[in-house]
Protein backbone atom coordinates (compact mmCIF):
# COMPACT_ATOMS: atom_id res chain seq x y z
CA MET A 1 -39.69 -0.81 -5.84
CA THR A 2 -41.57 -3.27 -8.03
CA HIS A 3 -40.65 -4.13 -11.60
CA ILE A 4 -43.59 -2.11 -12.93
CA GLU A 5 -42.59 0.95 -10.86
CA THR A 6 -39.01 0.80 -12.11
CA PHE A 7 -40.01 0.03 -15.67
CA THR A 8 -42.54 2.84 -15.92
CA ALA A 9 -40.69 5.59 -14.07
CA GLY A 10 -39.82 7.27 -17.37
CA LYS A 11 -43.24 6.69 -18.85
CA PHE A 12 -45.23 9.22 -16.85
CA ASN A 13 -44.57 11.92 -19.41
CA SER A 14 -47.36 10.71 -21.69
CA CYS A 15 -49.91 10.80 -18.89
CA GLN A 16 -48.80 13.73 -16.79
CA TYR A 17 -52.32 14.41 -15.63
CA ARG A 18 -52.45 11.09 -13.74
CA LYS A 19 -51.01 10.40 -10.32
CA PRO A 20 -48.13 7.89 -10.13
CA ARG A 21 -50.16 5.59 -7.88
CA GLU A 22 -53.01 5.60 -10.40
CA LEU A 23 -50.57 4.84 -13.24
CA LYS A 24 -49.06 1.97 -11.26
CA THR A 25 -52.52 0.44 -10.89
CA ILE A 26 -53.30 0.94 -14.58
CA PHE A 27 -49.98 -0.54 -15.73
CA ASN A 28 -50.29 -3.49 -13.35
CA ASN A 29 -53.75 -4.20 -14.77
CA TRP A 30 -52.46 -3.88 -18.33
CA SER A 31 -49.71 -6.39 -17.55
CA LYS A 32 -52.50 -8.98 -17.09
CA VAL A 33 -54.40 -8.14 -20.30
CA ARG A 34 -53.35 -10.34 -23.21
CA ILE A 35 -52.95 -8.89 -26.73
CA THR A 36 -51.98 -10.66 -29.95
CA ASP A 37 -49.04 -9.61 -32.12
CA LYS A 38 -51.48 -8.56 -34.86
CA GLU A 39 -53.34 -6.34 -32.38
CA VAL A 40 -50.05 -4.85 -31.17
CA TYR A 41 -49.26 -3.80 -34.74
CA LYS A 42 -52.73 -2.28 -35.14
CA LEU A 43 -52.33 -0.36 -31.88
CA ILE A 44 -48.95 0.93 -33.04
CA GLN A 45 -50.39 2.00 -36.39
CA LEU A 46 -53.25 3.87 -34.77
CA ALA A 47 -51.02 5.50 -32.15
CA LEU A 48 -48.55 6.72 -34.78
CA ILE A 49 -51.07 8.16 -37.27
CA PRO A 50 -49.56 11.50 -38.32
CA ASN A 51 -52.50 13.03 -40.18
CA LYS A 52 -56.05 12.70 -41.46
CA GLU A 53 -54.96 11.26 -44.83
CA VAL A 54 -53.19 8.31 -43.19
CA LEU A 55 -56.19 7.72 -40.94
CA GLN A 56 -58.52 7.69 -43.94
CA ASN A 57 -56.29 5.24 -45.80
CA ILE A 58 -56.30 2.91 -42.80
CA GLN A 59 -60.08 3.29 -42.37
CA ARG A 60 -60.62 2.40 -46.03
CA GLY A 61 -58.21 -0.53 -45.91
CA ARG A 62 -55.83 1.15 -48.35
CA GLU A 63 -52.63 -0.06 -46.73
CA GLY A 64 -50.88 0.17 -50.11
CA GLU A 65 -51.37 3.93 -50.10
CA LEU A 66 -49.58 4.45 -46.81
CA SER A 67 -46.21 6.16 -47.08
CA THR A 68 -43.02 4.18 -46.82
CA TYR A 69 -41.95 6.50 -43.99
CA PHE A 70 -45.09 5.73 -41.95
CA LEU A 71 -44.82 1.98 -42.61
CA ASN A 72 -41.13 1.95 -41.68
CA THR A 73 -41.86 3.86 -38.48
CA CYS A 74 -44.60 1.38 -37.56
CA ASN A 75 -42.34 -1.55 -38.39
CA ARG A 76 -39.47 -0.21 -36.25
CA ALA A 77 -41.83 0.38 -33.31
CA TYR A 78 -43.28 -3.12 -33.81
CA GLU A 79 -39.82 -4.69 -33.90
CA TYR A 80 -38.99 -2.93 -30.64
CA ALA A 81 -42.31 -3.98 -29.10
CA LEU A 82 -41.72 -7.64 -29.90
CA GLY A 83 -37.97 -7.96 -29.91
CA ASN A 84 -36.35 -5.75 -27.30
CA GLU A 85 -35.13 -7.63 -24.22
CA THR A 86 -37.34 -5.50 -21.95
CA GLN A 87 -40.30 -6.75 -23.95
CA GLN A 88 -39.55 -10.39 -23.08
CA LEU A 89 -40.46 -10.09 -19.41
CA GLU A 90 -43.56 -11.67 -17.90
CA THR A 91 -45.21 -8.26 -17.52
CA THR A 92 -44.53 -7.16 -21.10
CA ARG A 93 -44.48 -10.19 -23.44
CA GLY A 94 -47.92 -10.50 -25.05
CA THR A 95 -49.52 -7.97 -22.73
CA LEU A 96 -51.21 -4.63 -23.18
CA PHE A 97 -48.56 -3.05 -20.96
CA GLY A 98 -45.92 -4.44 -23.31
CA ALA A 99 -47.74 -2.91 -26.29
CA TYR A 100 -47.82 0.49 -24.60
CA ASN A 101 -44.20 0.13 -23.57
CA GLY A 102 -43.34 -0.74 -27.17
CA VAL A 103 -44.61 2.65 -28.36
CA THR A 104 -42.96 4.62 -25.56
CA GLY A 105 -39.77 2.61 -25.95
CA TYR A 106 -39.65 3.35 -29.66
CA PHE A 107 -39.67 7.09 -28.99
CA GLN A 108 -37.19 6.86 -26.12
CA ASN A 109 -34.77 4.25 -27.48
CA VAL A 110 -35.12 3.78 -31.24
CA ARG A 111 -36.19 6.99 -32.93
CA SER A 112 -33.38 9.33 -33.92
CA TYR A 113 -33.34 12.95 -32.84
CA LYS A 114 -31.22 15.85 -34.00
CA ASP A 115 -29.90 16.36 -30.47
CA ARG A 116 -30.85 15.89 -26.80
CA GLU A 117 -32.92 19.08 -26.76
CA ALA A 118 -35.01 17.86 -29.69
CA LYS A 119 -35.59 14.56 -27.89
CA LEU A 120 -36.62 16.37 -24.72
CA LYS A 121 -39.06 18.56 -26.64
CA SER A 122 -40.53 15.56 -28.43
CA LEU A 123 -41.01 13.46 -25.31
CA LEU A 124 -41.87 15.99 -22.60
CA LEU A 125 -42.76 19.37 -24.03
CA GLY A 126 -45.76 18.66 -26.24
CA GLY A 127 -43.90 17.21 -29.20
CA THR A 128 -44.61 14.26 -31.45
CA GLY A 129 -43.32 11.66 -28.99
CA GLN A 130 -45.58 12.91 -26.23
CA ALA A 131 -48.62 13.12 -28.53
CA ARG A 132 -48.09 9.61 -29.92
CA THR A 133 -47.49 8.02 -26.52
CA GLN A 134 -50.64 9.75 -25.25
CA ALA A 135 -52.52 8.27 -28.21
CA ALA A 136 -51.11 4.84 -27.31
CA PHE A 137 -52.19 5.35 -23.70
CA ASN A 138 -55.73 6.23 -24.82
CA LEU A 139 -55.87 3.21 -27.15
CA CYS A 140 -54.63 0.91 -24.40
CA THR A 141 -57.21 2.28 -22.00
CA ALA A 142 -59.94 1.55 -24.54
CA TYR A 143 -58.50 -1.90 -25.32
CA ALA A 144 -58.47 -2.80 -21.62
CA SER A 145 -62.23 -2.33 -21.47
CA LYS A 146 -63.37 -3.19 -25.03
CA GLY A 147 -60.73 -5.54 -26.38
CA ALA A 148 -59.96 -5.37 -30.10
CA ASP A 149 -63.23 -3.51 -30.68
CA ALA A 150 -61.36 -0.45 -29.43
CA PHE A 151 -59.52 -0.46 -32.75
CA LEU A 152 -62.64 -0.32 -34.93
CA LEU A 153 -62.59 2.92 -36.89
CA ASN A 154 -65.85 4.57 -37.83
């Protein structure tokens, strides 16, 4: 089993409609796509947007109007994405795969849940974790083909 296969085994939940072989190919490609720290933060912000109001504030450049809760969540996910030991590997450090793994890792390893059932619901049964990791997957897919232009908000 390759590093990518092992590392992503728990990540299929956000892309259940894809076949494991297809995901392996996607993740291997993403591990070769470079992304800056600033772009990682932007990807995290966009993936974690909870509602239309936050999206509008980001679109209008009104970062000061974002809630402390949202900013803290983004910062914790960003810290995980850049600082966790799994993020220091050749396939994750400074790569699009690492950015995606930073979002999924936040929900699996950093975020607090009331209990194991709440975590399961969030990650696998249509909850917030699954929705946000799917958003990250979609953003990464767009970034792989368009670069930072994928983050332009109209």
